[in-house]
Amino acid sequence: MRILLIFTLISFITGVSFIVTGYSNGTVIINCHYSKGQESSDKYFCMGPAYSLSCKGKIRTGIKNSWYHNGRFSLYDDTVGNYFMVVIRQLTRQDEGTYWCGVDKPVIVDSYTEVDLKVKEETCCEKSVPVTAYLGGGATFICNYSEDVKFNTKYVCKQSKDNKTCDDINSHSAGRFSLTDISTERRYTVTISNLTEDDTGTYWCGLNTSYIALFTKVQLVMTATTHTPKAKPLFIRPGTTVATLLFVSVVVLLILIIVIKDYRQRNNKTTVISSANMVNSDAVSNREGCHGDGFYEVMNSLTRHSDAAAVSSAHRLNTETGINIESVIMVTVSMRT
């Protein structure tokens, strides 16, 4: 019967009633229990204040053990468990109020359970979270929650393809699912391993008490491309950047140039002193011997001594620094040309 008499309201107000707290843009799933023998009766969910003579119907059905949908409302009558579930999606503050779980009785007064629905504007949690994962791999997402519900049971479900209902994730994850609650940080992590294409879809983070409240939507997208990190050269440490390598190369090159210049200066000084001594000696010899080709002999002598000094300097540089100066000079000349 759809009409609620005043004495009937007084009788069931003193009975079972409970408060349901939902979240804006979220979903609530309410379980309405009924007595044995009422399995064949129609079930409905209506809205109306206490002590009212009428109740505005939101959804009503006689269908058993199957979902029935009406706009944002869905109802499933489980005749085995003697209860029916009511789902309200896309909650707003306008949905707040007093509702009634009803069992239709054609002859006598209907049975009712009072539900007081409150809708919160939660600021702690994201409304929607995108997650991308790889086939065969794993996916992990984080669900935040407020301080006042940290002792409540945490819950995750997967939204049906028609976006009407949400199934417990354990029912289809085949042991691949894990949930870890980190209450000190007011968040819990959800991990799904060995992902398949069937795991693609929308998941909901929520709370499971005497009812279920869903507040964060997680959109899981699967890709067939496996992420393979690029191989790193053996001589490069992890984290080494190109800029660091260039800087080290420049520093080494500058040190090499300074060393070469230093040895060249030493070599030039030694060569000049040796050449001066040879010039004086040869000049005296030429003056004494009065040889006409003395100038050419002096130049040949300078050339021989200069080559010998250069080879000697290169040998010393190789011995003291371990740098193959001959190779460096050849490379430098080739670069200049």
Protein backbone atom coordinates (compact mmCIF):
# COMPACT_ATOMS: atom_id res chain seq x y z
CA MET A 1 0.00 0.00 0.00
CA ARG A 2 1.34 3.44 -0.89
CA ILE A 3 -0.55 5.46 1.71
CA LEU A 4 1.15 5.68 5.07
CA LEU A 5 -1.25 6.03 7.98
CA ILE A 6 -0.23 8.06 11.01
CA PHE A 7 -0.45 5.12 13.42
CA THR A 8 1.64 3.03 11.03
CA LEU A 9 4.39 5.65 10.95
CA ILE A 10 4.43 5.77 14.74
CA SER A 11 4.87 2.00 14.90
CA PHE A 12 7.82 1.71 12.52
CA ILE A 13 9.59 4.89 13.67
CA THR A 14 10.26 3.09 16.94
CA GLY A 15 11.68 0.16 14.97
CA VAL A 16 14.85 -0.16 12.85
CA SER A 17 16.22 3.05 11.32
CA PHE A 18 19.69 4.21 10.37
CA ILE A 19 21.65 7.17 9.04
CA VAL A 20 23.41 7.00 5.68
CA THR A 21 26.15 9.50 4.81
CA GLY A 22 26.98 9.94 1.14
CA TYR A 23 29.31 12.27 -0.76
CA SER A 24 28.55 14.82 -3.43
CA ASN A 25 28.85 13.27 -6.93
CA GLY A 26 29.30 9.89 -5.27
CA THR A 27 27.08 6.84 -4.76
CA VAL A 28 25.42 5.08 -1.83
CA ILE A 29 24.30 1.45 -1.69
CA ILE A 30 21.67 0.76 0.97
CA ASN A 31 20.59 -2.69 2.16
CA CYS A 32 16.94 -2.98 3.19
CA HIS A 33 16.12 -6.21 5.05
CA TYR A 34 12.71 -7.87 5.20
CA SER A 35 11.18 -10.90 6.90
CA LYS A 36 10.83 -14.39 5.51
CA GLY A 37 7.58 -14.91 3.66
CA GLN A 38 7.85 -11.49 1.99
CA GLU A 39 10.04 -12.67 -0.90
CA SER A 40 7.21 -12.50 -3.44
CA SER A 41 6.09 -8.98 -2.48
CA ASP A 42 7.01 -5.88 -4.47
CA LYS A 43 9.85 -3.80 -3.04
CA TYR A 44 10.18 -0.02 -3.28
CA PHE A 45 12.12 2.97 -2.02
CA CYS A 46 10.39 6.27 -1.40
CA MET A 47 11.09 9.69 0.11
CA GLY A 48 8.98 11.53 2.64
CA PRO A 49 9.27 13.12 6.09
CA ALA A 50 8.30 11.24 9.20
CA TYR A 51 4.64 11.43 10.25
CA SER A 52 3.73 12.20 6.62
CA LEU A 53 0.60 10.72 5.03
CA SER A 54 2.42 10.05 1.73
CA CYS A 55 5.78 8.89 0.41
CA LYS A 56 7.13 9.96 -2.97
CA GLY A 57 8.25 6.83 -4.78
CA LYS A 58 11.75 6.80 -6.24
CA ILE A 59 11.83 3.22 -7.49
CA ARG A 60 9.52 0.18 -7.26
CA THR A 61 9.70 -3.32 -8.76
CA GLY A 62 8.44 -6.87 -8.47
CA ILE A 63 11.48 -8.29 -10.32
CA LYS A 64 13.42 -10.84 -8.28
CA ASN A 65 17.18 -11.50 -8.17
CA SER A 66 17.89 -9.05 -10.98
CA TRP A 67 18.60 -5.35 -11.22
CA TYR A 68 15.88 -2.86 -12.00
CA HIS A 69 16.81 0.73 -12.89
CA ASN A 70 14.95 4.02 -12.80
CA GLY A 71 17.07 7.09 -13.52
CA ARG A 72 19.69 7.51 -10.80
CA PHE A 73 18.09 4.76 -8.70
CA SER A 74 18.55 1.00 -8.97
CA LEU A 75 17.01 -1.85 -6.94
CA TYR A 76 17.99 -5.51 -6.59
CA ASP A 77 15.74 -7.90 -4.63
CA ASP A 78 17.80 -10.79 -3.20
CA THR A 79 15.17 -13.35 -2.21
CA VAL A 80 17.82 -15.74 -0.89
CA GLY A 81 19.26 -13.24 1.59
CA ASN A 82 15.89 -11.60 2.33
CA TYR A 83 17.01 -8.08 1.58
CA PHE A 84 16.98 -5.66 -1.33
CA MET A 85 19.68 -3.22 -2.33
CA VAL A 86 18.99 0.36 -3.36
CA VAL A 87 21.62 2.35 -5.27
CA ILE A 88 21.54 6.15 -5.57
CA ARG A 89 24.08 7.63 -7.99
CA GLN A 90 25.42 11.16 -8.62
CA LEU A 91 24.39 12.43 -5.22
CA THR A 92 23.64 16.11 -4.61
CA ARG A 93 22.66 18.08 -1.54
CA GLN A 94 19.07 18.05 -2.83
CA ASP A 95 19.00 14.28 -2.21
CA GLU A 96 19.22 14.79 1.55
CA GLY A 97 16.18 13.77 3.53
CA THR A 98 14.21 10.88 4.97
CA TYR A 99 13.64 7.76 2.87
CA TRP A 100 11.77 4.52 3.46
CA CYS A 101 12.52 0.95 2.42
CA GLY A 102 9.10 -0.53 1.72
CA VAL A 103 7.65 -4.02 1.25
CA ASP A 104 4.22 -3.99 -0.37
CA LYS A 105 1.50 -5.96 1.39
CA PRO A 106 -1.80 -5.96 -0.53
CA VAL A 107 -4.02 -6.75 2.47
CA ILE A 108 -2.23 -5.43 5.54
CA VAL A 109 -0.03 -2.42 6.28
CA ASP A 110 3.29 -2.29 4.40
CA SER A 111 6.58 -2.88 6.21
CA TYR A 112 9.01 0.05 6.36
CA THR A 113 12.54 0.86 7.43
CA GLU A 114 13.56 4.49 7.91
CA VAL A 115 16.71 5.79 6.20
CA ASP A 116 18.02 9.28 6.97
CA LEU A 117 20.30 10.33 4.08
CA LYS A 118 22.94 13.06 4.47
CA VAL A 119 25.17 14.28 1.64
CA LYS A 120 28.60 15.77 2.41
CA GLU A 121 30.77 18.05 0.30
CA GLU A 122 34.08 16.28 0.92
CA THR A 123 37.23 18.34 0.28
CA CYS A 124 39.82 15.74 1.27
CA CYS A 125 39.41 13.49 -1.72
CA GLU A 126 39.67 13.67 -5.48
CA LYS A 127 36.43 13.21 -7.39
CA SER A 128 38.08 11.40 -10.27
CA VAL A 129 41.54 9.84 -10.74
CA PRO A 130 42.96 8.56 -14.08
CA VAL A 131 45.30 5.54 -13.98
CA THR A 132 47.21 3.99 -16.91
CA ALA A 133 48.66 0.47 -16.69
CA TYR A 134 50.17 -2.21 -18.95
CA LEU A 135 48.68 -5.56 -19.88
CA GLY A 136 50.21 -8.32 -17.78
CA GLY A 137 51.57 -5.80 -15.29
CA GLY A 138 50.09 -4.26 -12.17
CA ALA A 139 48.10 -1.16 -11.29
CA THR A 140 48.11 0.75 -8.01
CA PHE A 141 45.92 3.69 -7.09
CA ILE A 142 45.50 5.71 -3.90
CA CYS A 143 42.24 6.52 -2.14
CA ASN A 144 42.25 9.39 0.37
CA TYR A 145 39.68 9.75 3.11
CA SER A 146 38.79 12.13 5.95
CA GLU A 147 39.77 11.79 9.60
CA ASP A 148 36.27 10.96 10.83
CA VAL A 149 36.09 7.68 8.85
CA LYS A 150 39.59 6.30 9.42
CA PHE A 151 38.21 3.43 11.55
CA ASN A 152 35.61 2.42 8.96
CA THR A 153 36.13 -0.56 6.67
CA LYS A 154 37.66 0.55 3.36
CA TYR A 155 36.05 -0.66 0.17
CA VAL A 156 36.68 -0.83 -3.59
CA CYS A 157 34.30 -1.93 -6.32
CA LYS A 158 34.20 -1.97 -10.11
CA GLN A 159 31.41 -0.18 -11.91
CA SER A 160 29.29 -2.26 -14.27
CA LYS A 161 29.43 -1.59 -18.00
CA ASP A 162 25.99 0.00 -17.94
CA ASN A 163 27.24 2.35 -15.16
CA LYS A 164 24.28 1.40 -12.97
CA THR A 165 25.83 -0.79 -10.27
CA CYS A 166 29.20 -1.51 -8.67
CA ASP A 167 30.50 -5.03 -8.03
CA ASP A 168 32.84 -5.99 -5.20
CA ILE A 169 36.32 -6.16 -6.72
CA ASN A 170 37.03 -9.51 -5.04
CA SER A 171 34.27 -11.11 -7.09
CA HIS A 172 36.23 -10.81 -10.35
CA SER A 173 39.89 -10.24 -9.42
CA ALA A 174 40.58 -13.93 -8.61
CA GLY A 175 43.03 -13.19 -5.80
CA ARG A 176 44.88 -10.52 -7.78
CA PHE A 177 43.58 -7.72 -5.59
CA SER A 178 45.05 -6.24 -2.40
CA LEU A 179 44.06 -3.28 -0.23
CA THR A 180 46.41 -1.64 2.29
CA ASP A 181 45.08 0.94 4.73
CA ILE A 182 47.58 3.57 5.95
CA SER A 183 45.46 5.26 8.60
CA THR A 184 48.26 7.59 9.79
CA GLU A 185 48.21 9.20 6.34
CA ARG A 186 44.44 8.88 5.90
CA ARG A 187 44.70 6.93 2.67
CA TYR A 188 44.64 3.39 1.39
CA THR A 189 46.27 1.83 -1.66
CA VAL A 190 44.65 -0.63 -4.02
CA THR A 191 46.77 -2.96 -6.15
CA ILE A 192 45.65 -5.26 -8.96
CA SER A 193 48.22 -7.67 -10.45
CA ASN A 194 48.42 -9.65 -13.72
CA LEU A 195 46.20 -7.18 -15.52
CA THR A 196 44.03 -8.22 -18.46
CA GLU A 197 41.81 -6.26 -20.83
CA ASP A 198 38.81 -7.16 -18.67
CA ASP A 199 40.31 -5.07 -15.85
CA THR A 200 39.83 -1.90 -17.88
CA GLY A 201 37.03 0.25 -16.53
CA THR A 202 35.83 2.43 -13.69
CA TYR A 203 36.56 1.65 -10.05
CA TRP A 204 35.25 3.36 -6.93
CA CYS A 205 36.94 4.02 -3.60
CA GLY A 206 34.53 3.90 -0.68
CA LEU A 207 33.55 2.83 2.82
CA ASN A 208 31.64 -0.26 3.89
CA THR A 209 29.64 -0.09 7.12
CA SER A 210 25.95 -0.98 7.38
CA TYR A 211 25.81 0.61 3.93
CA ILE A 212 28.35 1.45 1.21
CA ALA A 213 29.38 5.00 0.35
CA LEU A 214 31.49 5.60 -2.77
CA PHE A 215 33.35 8.90 -3.12
CA THR A 216 36.31 8.70 -5.56
CA LYS A 217 36.08 7.40 -9.13
CA VAL A 218 39.18 5.76 -10.63
CA GLN A 219 39.35 5.35 -14.40
CA LEU A 220 41.76 2.49 -15.26
CA VAL A 221 43.03 2.48 -18.85
CA MET A 222 45.06 -0.41 -20.25
CA THR A 223 47.74 -0.28 -22.93
CA ALA A 224 49.36 -3.20 -24.75
CA THR A 225 52.73 -1.45 -25.01
CA THR A 226 55.17 -2.68 -22.41
CA HIS A 227 57.37 0.03 -20.99
CA THR A 228 61.03 -0.95 -21.47
CA PRO A 229 63.65 1.42 -20.04
CA LYS A 230 66.50 2.38 -22.37
CA ALA A 231 69.78 0.55 -21.79
CA LYS A 232 72.42 2.71 -20.16
CA PRO A 233 76.14 2.62 -21.06
CA LEU A 234 78.15 0.56 -18.59
CA PHE A 235 80.46 3.46 -17.74
CA ILE A 236 77.64 5.84 -16.86
CA ARG A 237 76.23 5.73 -13.37
CA PRO A 238 72.44 5.86 -12.95
CA GLY A 239 71.38 9.47 -12.73
CA THR A 240 74.36 10.85 -14.69
CA THR A 241 73.17 13.58 -17.05
CA VAL A 242 74.50 14.65 -20.44
CA ALA A 243 75.40 18.04 -18.98
CA THR A 244 77.58 16.34 -16.35
CA LEU A 245 79.40 14.30 -18.99
CA LEU A 246 80.07 17.40 -21.11
CA PHE A 247 81.37 19.31 -18.08
CA VAL A 248 83.78 16.51 -17.15
CA SER A 249 85.00 16.26 -20.76
CA VAL A 250 85.68 20.01 -20.95
CA VAL A 251 87.57 19.97 -17.64
CA VAL A 252 89.75 17.05 -18.77
CA LEU A 253 90.47 18.82 -22.07
CA LEU A 254 91.46 22.05 -20.30
CA ILE A 255 93.81 20.17 -17.97
CA LEU A 256 95.39 18.45 -20.97
CA ILE A 257 95.91 21.79 -22.75
CA ILE A 258 97.51 23.34 -19.64
CA VAL A 259 99.88 20.38 -19.25
CA ILE A 260 100.89 20.56 -22.92
CA LYS A 261 101.50 24.33 -22.73
CA ASP A 262 103.59 23.93 -19.58
CA TYR A 263 105.80 21.32 -21.17
CA ARG A 264 106.10 23.33 -24.37
CA GLN A 265 107.30 26.35 -22.39
CA ARG A 266 109.85 24.23 -20.54
CA ASN A 267 110.97 22.68 -23.80
CA ASN A 268 111.31 26.06 -25.52
CA LYS A 269 113.45 27.46 -22.70
CA THR A 270 115.73 24.42 -22.76
CA THR A 271 115.99 24.54 -26.55
CA VAL A 272 116.79 28.27 -26.59
CA ILE A 273 119.53 27.90 -24.00
CA SER A 274 121.02 24.88 -25.74
CA SER A 275 120.79 26.57 -29.12
CA ALA A 276 122.49 29.71 -27.82
CA ASN A 277 125.35 27.67 -26.42
CA MET A 278 125.71 25.81 -29.69
CA VAL A 279 125.65 29.03 -31.68
CA ASN A 280 128.38 30.54 -29.55
CA SER A 281 130.47 27.39 -29.77
CA ASP A 282 130.05 27.00 -33.51
CA ALA A 283 130.60 30.68 -34.09
CA VAL A 284 133.91 30.54 -32.23
CA SER A 285 134.83 27.43 -34.15
CA ASN A 286 133.98 29.10 -37.45
CA ARG A 287 135.88 32.21 -36.58
CA GLU A 288 138.86 30.15 -35.64
CA GLY A 289 138.64 27.87 -38.64
CA CYS A 290 137.36 30.55 -41.05
CA HIS A 291 135.05 28.09 -42.73
CA GLY A 292 132.93 29.67 -45.43
CA ASP A 293 129.88 27.47 -44.77
CA GLY A 294 129.78 28.03 -41.03
CA PHE A 295 126.27 29.54 -41.10
CA TYR A 296 124.77 26.43 -42.64
CA GLU A 297 126.53 24.21 -40.16
CA VAL A 298 125.09 26.25 -37.32
CA MET A 299 121.50 25.88 -38.72
CA ASN A 300 121.89 22.14 -39.18
CA SER A 301 123.17 21.84 -35.66
CA LEU A 302 120.16 23.80 -34.32
CA THR A 303 117.74 21.55 -36.19
CA ARG A 304 119.33 18.36 -34.88
CA HIS A 305 119.38 19.61 -31.31
CA SER A 306 115.76 20.88 -31.53
CA ASP A 307 114.48 17.49 -32.72
CA ALA A 308 116.39 15.70 -30.00
CA ALA A 309 115.03 18.07 -27.33
CA ALA A 310 111.43 17.64 -28.55
CA VAL A 311 111.71 13.86 -28.44
CA SER A 312 113.28 14.05 -25.00
CA SER A 313 110.47 16.33 -23.73
CA ALA A 314 107.77 14.07 -25.13
CA HIS A 315 109.41 11.09 -23.47
CA ARG A 316 109.51 12.91 -20.12
CA LEU A 317 105.83 13.90 -20.46
CA ASN A 318 104.86 10.31 -21.20
CA THR A 319 106.83 9.05 -18.21
CA GLU A 320 105.63 11.64 -15.66
CA THR A 321 101.95 11.97 -16.63
CA GLY A 322 101.13 8.77 -18.45
CA ILE A 323 99.80 10.85 -21.40
CA ASN A 324 100.85 9.79 -24.87
CA ILE A 325 101.84 13.28 -26.02
CA GLU A 326 102.74 12.11 -29.53
CA SER A 327 99.18 10.84 -30.02
CA VAL A 328 97.74 14.03 -28.55
CA ILE A 329 99.81 16.18 -30.89
CA MET A 330 98.76 14.09 -33.89
CA VAL A 331 95.09 14.40 -32.91
CA THR A 332 95.48 18.14 -32.35
CA VAL A 333 97.10 18.62 -35.75
CA SER A 334 94.43 16.56 -37.49
CA MET A 335 91.70 18.58 -35.78
CA ARG A 336 93.25 21.85 -36.90
CA THR A 337 93.54 20.65 -40.48
